Amino acid sequence: MIAVQEQDEGRRAGPGPGRSVMRVLGTLWGIGGIAAVLVYAAAALGRYALEAVVDGLEPVEWLLLVVNTAFMAWAEGYRGFQQRFSPRVAARALNLYDHPTLPRLALAPLFCAGFFGATPGLLRTIWLGTGLIVLAVLLFNQLPQPWRGILDAGVLVGMIWGTTSLLAATWTTFRERREIVPADVPEALPCGVHETTRL
């Protein structure tokens, strides 16, 4: 009876040092991988946006640049990233930290983004959103300058906003040990409860 009680207490105590390191590295890999993709995309878009500005814009084109950039800052940066994507990624990173498994750790960026280990609603949203992004990229690539640069400038601002909001949401989530928005993980285990038997 005592032995069983000690085993139960050991499981509740949390993972050992090796598992703790794996959880930390997996979480950093998840957030860092997504942030790296956003930074890479922003750098690629910035080249075309800068090229359009350097080549010179007509007054109407300047107006479109300003309007598009402001709209994308609100729609993509604030509404898309700050209000939805970034806090959900941070929540899933916290879930990964508390409930690590080898597949989730190995594919941490994909898990944190919601490509697997997610509720049906999130899976539909992520995969549909990814498809639309790929389609938009293909269409943008067909546009001549300065129109491509004008559109890319708006997306660039959204990406920068998204990267910043992702880091801020992650900091807040882990500092307060609570999810800003639901992680949308099927098992939805409470934060702070470690699944040590899963590793």
Protein backbone atom coordinates (compact mmCIF):
# COMPACT_ATOMS: atom_id res chain seq x y z
CA MET A 1 0.00 0.00 0.00
CA ILE A 2 2.84 2.36 0.91
CA ALA A 3 4.75 1.45 -2.25
CA VAL A 4 1.74 2.22 -4.43
CA GLN A 5 1.26 5.56 -2.67
CA GLU A 6 4.93 6.48 -3.23
CA GLN A 7 4.65 5.63 -6.93
CA ASP A 8 1.57 7.84 -7.27
CA GLU A 9 3.32 10.71 -5.52
CA GLY A 10 6.35 10.24 -7.78
CA ARG A 11 4.19 10.53 -10.87
CA ARG A 12 2.57 13.70 -9.55
CA ALA A 13 5.90 15.26 -8.62
CA GLY A 14 6.77 15.96 -12.24
CA PRO A 15 9.44 14.77 -14.66
CA GLY A 16 13.07 14.13 -13.86
CA PRO A 17 15.97 16.39 -14.96
CA GLY A 18 16.34 14.72 -18.36
CA ARG A 19 12.67 15.04 -19.13
CA SER A 20 12.66 18.63 -17.93
CA VAL A 21 15.40 19.47 -20.42
CA MET A 22 13.43 17.81 -23.21
CA ARG A 23 10.32 19.78 -22.29
CA VAL A 24 12.24 23.07 -22.30
CA LEU A 25 14.01 22.31 -25.58
CA GLY A 26 10.78 21.13 -27.19
CA THR A 27 8.96 24.28 -26.17
CA LEU A 28 11.78 26.51 -27.43
CA TRP A 29 11.82 24.54 -30.68
CA GLY A 30 8.06 25.01 -31.07
CA ILE A 31 8.01 28.77 -30.52
CA GLY A 32 11.39 29.37 -32.14
CA GLY A 33 10.50 27.38 -35.24
CA ILE A 34 7.32 29.36 -35.86
CA ALA A 35 9.06 32.67 -35.13
CA ALA A 36 11.84 31.73 -37.57
CA VAL A 37 9.32 31.05 -40.34
CA LEU A 38 7.68 34.43 -39.74
CA VAL A 39 11.03 36.25 -39.76
CA TYR A 40 12.12 34.45 -42.94
CA ALA A 41 8.84 35.34 -44.66
CA ALA A 42 9.12 38.96 -43.52
CA ALA A 43 12.66 39.20 -44.91
CA ALA A 44 11.56 37.78 -48.27
CA LEU A 45 8.58 40.13 -48.49
CA GLY A 46 10.64 43.11 -47.41
CA ARG A 47 12.84 42.81 -50.49
CA TYR A 48 9.92 43.28 -52.88
CA ALA A 49 8.32 46.02 -50.80
CA LEU A 50 11.58 47.97 -50.68
CA GLU A 51 12.14 47.46 -54.40
CA ALA A 52 8.74 48.98 -55.18
CA VAL A 53 9.42 52.04 -53.02
CA VAL A 54 12.95 52.58 -54.35
CA ASP A 55 11.76 52.38 -57.96
CA GLY A 56 9.29 55.16 -57.21
CA LEU A 57 5.53 55.26 -56.74
CA GLU A 58 2.84 57.46 -58.19
CA PRO A 59 0.63 59.41 -55.73
CA VAL A 60 -2.21 56.92 -56.19
CA GLU A 61 0.19 54.05 -55.58
CA TRP A 62 1.45 55.70 -52.39
CA LEU A 63 -2.14 56.01 -51.24
CA LEU A 64 -2.77 52.34 -51.94
CA LEU A 65 0.42 51.44 -50.08
CA VAL A 66 -0.66 53.36 -46.98
CA VAL A 67 -4.23 52.05 -47.05
CA ASN A 68 -3.17 48.45 -47.65
CA THR A 69 -0.50 48.59 -44.95
CA ALA A 70 -2.93 50.03 -42.41
CA PHE A 71 -5.58 47.45 -43.29
CA MET A 72 -3.17 44.52 -43.07
CA ALA A 73 -1.79 45.79 -39.77
CA TRP A 74 -5.32 45.60 -38.38
CA ALA A 75 -6.62 42.50 -40.20
CA GLU A 76 -3.51 40.32 -40.23
CA GLY A 77 -1.42 41.75 -37.41
CA TYR A 78 -4.00 42.62 -34.77
CA ARG A 79 -7.01 40.45 -35.60
CA GLY A 80 -5.21 37.47 -37.09
CA PHE A 81 -2.05 37.22 -35.04
CA GLN A 82 -2.47 39.16 -31.80
CA GLN A 83 -6.07 38.14 -31.10
CA ARG A 84 -6.02 34.57 -32.41
CA PHE A 85 -2.93 32.83 -33.74
CA SER A 86 -0.26 34.07 -31.31
CA PRO A 87 -2.10 33.43 -28.02
CA ARG A 88 -3.24 30.02 -29.26
CA VAL A 89 0.31 29.06 -30.23
CA ALA A 90 1.48 30.18 -26.79
CA ALA A 91 -1.29 28.16 -25.13
CA ARG A 92 -0.34 25.06 -27.11
CA ALA A 93 3.32 25.60 -26.25
CA LEU A 94 2.35 25.63 -22.56
CA ASN A 95 0.33 22.47 -23.13
CA LEU A 96 3.35 20.90 -24.82
CA TYR A 97 5.53 21.88 -21.86
CA ASP A 98 3.09 20.35 -19.38
CA HIS A 99 2.14 17.26 -21.43
CA PRO A 100 5.12 16.33 -23.64
CA THR A 101 5.21 13.33 -25.94
CA LEU A 102 8.00 12.40 -28.33
CA PRO A 103 5.99 13.15 -31.52
CA ARG A 104 4.92 16.53 -30.15
CA LEU A 105 8.46 17.42 -29.09
CA ALA A 106 9.97 16.34 -32.42
CA LEU A 107 7.34 18.23 -34.43
CA ALA A 108 6.84 21.02 -31.90
CA PRO A 109 6.38 23.89 -34.40
CA LEU A 110 3.65 21.94 -36.21
CA PHE A 111 1.98 20.99 -32.93
CA CYS A 112 2.09 24.53 -31.57
CA ALA A 113 0.65 25.86 -34.84
CA GLY A 114 -2.19 23.33 -34.64
CA PHE A 115 -1.47 21.01 -37.57
CA PHE A 116 -2.00 17.93 -35.39
CA GLY A 117 -3.09 17.09 -31.87
CA ALA A 118 -5.87 19.64 -32.17
CA THR A 119 -9.66 19.79 -32.08
CA PRO A 120 -11.48 19.23 -35.40
CA GLY A 121 -12.40 22.90 -35.60
CA LEU A 122 -8.81 24.06 -35.23
CA LEU A 123 -7.56 21.46 -37.70
CA ARG A 124 -10.03 22.70 -40.32
CA THR A 125 -9.06 26.31 -39.67
CA ILE A 126 -5.31 25.68 -39.85
CA TRP A 127 -5.33 23.53 -42.96
CA LEU A 128 -7.80 25.76 -44.80
CA GLY A 129 -5.84 28.85 -43.78
CA THR A 130 -2.60 27.29 -44.97
CA GLY A 131 -4.14 26.45 -48.32
CA LEU A 132 -5.39 30.01 -48.76
CA ILE A 133 -1.96 31.40 -47.87
CA VAL A 134 -0.29 29.16 -50.46
CA LEU A 135 -2.84 30.28 -53.06
CA ALA A 136 -2.27 33.94 -52.19
CA VAL A 137 1.50 33.51 -52.51
CA LEU A 138 1.11 31.94 -55.94
CA LEU A 139 -1.14 34.79 -57.08
CA PHE A 140 1.14 37.49 -55.64
CA ASN A 141 4.10 36.00 -57.50
CA GLN A 142 2.33 36.69 -60.79
CA LEU A 143 1.90 40.40 -60.09
CA PRO A 144 4.32 42.95 -61.57
CA GLN A 145 5.88 45.76 -59.59
CA PRO A 146 4.85 48.00 -57.96
CA TRP A 147 1.64 46.10 -57.21
CA ARG A 148 3.41 43.13 -55.72
CA GLY A 149 5.52 45.38 -53.53
CA ILE A 150 2.46 47.31 -52.37
CA LEU A 151 0.68 44.12 -51.34
CA ASP A 152 3.83 42.61 -49.83
CA ALA A 153 4.36 45.72 -47.70
CA GLY A 154 1.04 45.11 -45.97
CA VAL A 155 1.79 41.44 -45.39
CA LEU A 156 5.25 42.40 -44.12
CA VAL A 157 3.76 44.65 -41.44
CA GLY A 158 1.42 41.83 -40.45
CA MET A 159 4.33 39.39 -40.17
CA ILE A 160 6.35 41.76 -37.99
CA TRP A 161 3.30 42.36 -35.81
CA GLY A 162 2.72 38.62 -35.67
CA THR A 163 6.27 37.81 -34.58
CA THR A 164 6.17 40.46 -31.88
CA SER A 165 2.76 39.37 -30.61
CA LEU A 166 3.86 35.72 -30.61
CA LEU A 167 6.82 36.44 -28.35
CA ALA A 168 4.70 38.68 -26.11
CA ALA A 169 1.91 36.10 -25.82
CA THR A 170 4.41 33.37 -25.02
CA TRP A 171 6.04 35.48 -22.31
CA THR A 172 2.67 36.31 -20.73
CA THR A 173 1.37 32.74 -20.94
CA PHE A 174 4.41 31.16 -19.30
CA ARG A 175 4.85 33.93 -16.73
CA GLU A 176 1.25 33.68 -15.56
CA ARG A 177 0.99 29.91 -16.18
CA ARG A 178 -2.39 30.29 -17.83
CA GLU A 179 -3.80 30.19 -21.34
CA ILE A 180 -4.91 33.51 -22.83
CA VAL A 181 -7.12 31.55 -25.23
CA PRO A 182 -7.93 27.81 -25.26
CA ALA A 183 -5.16 25.57 -26.59
CA ASP A 184 -7.76 23.51 -28.50
CA VAL A 185 -6.06 20.24 -27.55
CA PRO A 186 -8.51 17.29 -27.52
CA GLU A 187 -7.54 15.98 -24.08
CA ALA A 188 -7.49 19.54 -22.64
CA LEU A 189 -5.56 18.61 -19.50
CA PRO A 190 -5.11 21.37 -16.91
CA CYS A 191 -1.97 23.48 -17.09
CA GLY A 192 0.63 22.52 -14.52
CA VAL A 193 -0.34 18.82 -14.47
CA HIS A 194 2.55 16.84 -15.93
CA GLU A 195 2.03 13.67 -17.94
CA THR A 196 5.33 12.11 -16.96
CA THR A 197 4.23 8.64 -18.06
CA ARG A 198 3.97 9.78 -21.68
CA LEU A 199 7.71 10.20 -22.16
